[in-house]
């Protein structure tokens, strides 16, 4: 289960980047 925290960080980073892109498009 040591891999889970790192994986969560990667997912969070990718999700954050996508959320910014979507937010930018909506504005």
N, C-alpha and C. Protein backbone atom coordinates (compact mmCIF):
# COMPACT_ATOMS: atom_id res chain seq x y z
N UNK A 1 0.83 -1.21 0.00
CA UNK A 1 0.00 0.00 0.00
C UNK A 1 0.87 1.27 0.00
N UNK A 2 2.18 1.11 -0.03
CA UNK A 2 3.06 2.29 -0.03
C UNK A 2 2.90 3.07 -1.33
N UNK A 3 2.43 2.42 -2.36
CA UNK A 3 2.31 3.07 -3.65
C UNK A 3 1.11 4.03 -3.68
N UNK A 4 0.15 3.79 -2.80
CA UNK A 4 -1.09 4.58 -2.84
C UNK A 4 -0.89 6.09 -2.64
N UNK A 5 -0.14 6.54 -1.63
CA UNK A 5 0.03 7.99 -1.44
C UNK A 5 0.62 8.67 -2.66
N UNK A 6 1.64 8.07 -3.25
CA UNK A 6 2.28 8.66 -4.44
C UNK A 6 1.28 8.71 -5.58
N UNK A 7 0.53 7.64 -5.76
CA UNK A 7 -0.48 7.58 -6.83
C UNK A 7 -1.53 8.67 -6.61
N UNK A 8 -1.92 8.86 -5.36
CA UNK A 8 -2.93 9.89 -5.05
C UNK A 8 -2.39 11.27 -5.40
N UNK A 9 -1.10 11.49 -5.14
CA UNK A 9 -0.49 12.79 -5.45
C UNK A 9 -0.51 13.03 -6.96
N UNK A 10 -0.19 11.99 -7.74
CA UNK A 10 -0.19 12.12 -9.20
C UNK A 10 -1.61 12.42 -9.69
N UNK A 11 -2.58 11.68 -9.17
CA UNK A 11 -3.97 11.89 -9.60
C UNK A 11 -4.40 13.31 -9.24
N UNK A 12 -4.01 13.75 -8.04
CA UNK A 12 -4.38 15.10 -7.60
C UNK A 12 -3.78 16.13 -8.54
N UNK A 13 -2.52 15.92 -8.93
CA UNK A 13 -1.85 16.86 -9.83
C UNK A 13 -2.53 16.91 -11.18
N UNK A 14 -2.84 15.73 -11.73
CA UNK A 14 -3.48 15.68 -13.05
C UNK A 14 -4.88 16.29 -12.96
N UNK A 15 -5.62 15.94 -11.91
CA UNK A 15 -6.97 16.48 -11.75
C UNK A 15 -6.92 18.00 -11.60
N UNK A 16 -5.94 18.49 -10.85
CA UNK A 16 -5.81 19.93 -10.66
C UNK A 16 -5.54 20.64 -11.99
N UNK A 17 -4.68 20.05 -12.81
CA UNK A 17 -4.36 20.65 -14.11
C UNK A 17 -5.60 20.65 -15.00
N UNK A 18 -6.35 19.55 -15.00
CA UNK A 18 -7.56 19.48 -15.84
C UNK A 18 -8.61 20.45 -15.33
N UNK A 19 -8.73 20.57 -14.02
CA UNK A 19 -9.73 21.48 -13.45
C UNK A 19 -9.40 22.92 -13.87
N UNK A 20 -8.11 23.27 -13.87
CA UNK A 20 -7.72 24.62 -14.28
C UNK A 20 -8.06 24.84 -15.75
N UNK A 21 -7.82 23.83 -16.57
CA UNK A 21 -8.11 23.96 -18.01
C UNK A 21 -9.61 24.14 -18.22
N UNK A 22 -10.42 23.35 -17.52
CA UNK A 22 -11.88 23.45 -17.67
C UNK A 22 -12.34 24.82 -17.17
N UNK A 23 -11.79 25.26 -16.04
CA UNK A 23 -12.17 26.56 -15.48
C UNK A 23 -11.80 27.67 -16.47
N UNK A 24 -10.65 27.54 -17.11
CA UNK A 24 -10.20 28.55 -18.08
C UNK A 24 -11.14 28.59 -19.28
N UNK A 25 -11.58 27.42 -19.73
CA UNK A 25 -12.48 27.36 -20.89
C UNK A 25 -13.85 27.97 -20.55
N UNK A 26 -14.32 27.74 -19.33
CA UNK A 26 -15.65 28.25 -18.96
C UNK A 26 -15.64 29.77 -18.86
N UNK A 27 -14.49 30.34 -18.55
CA UNK A 27 -14.38 31.81 -18.47
C UNK A 27 -14.07 32.30 -19.87
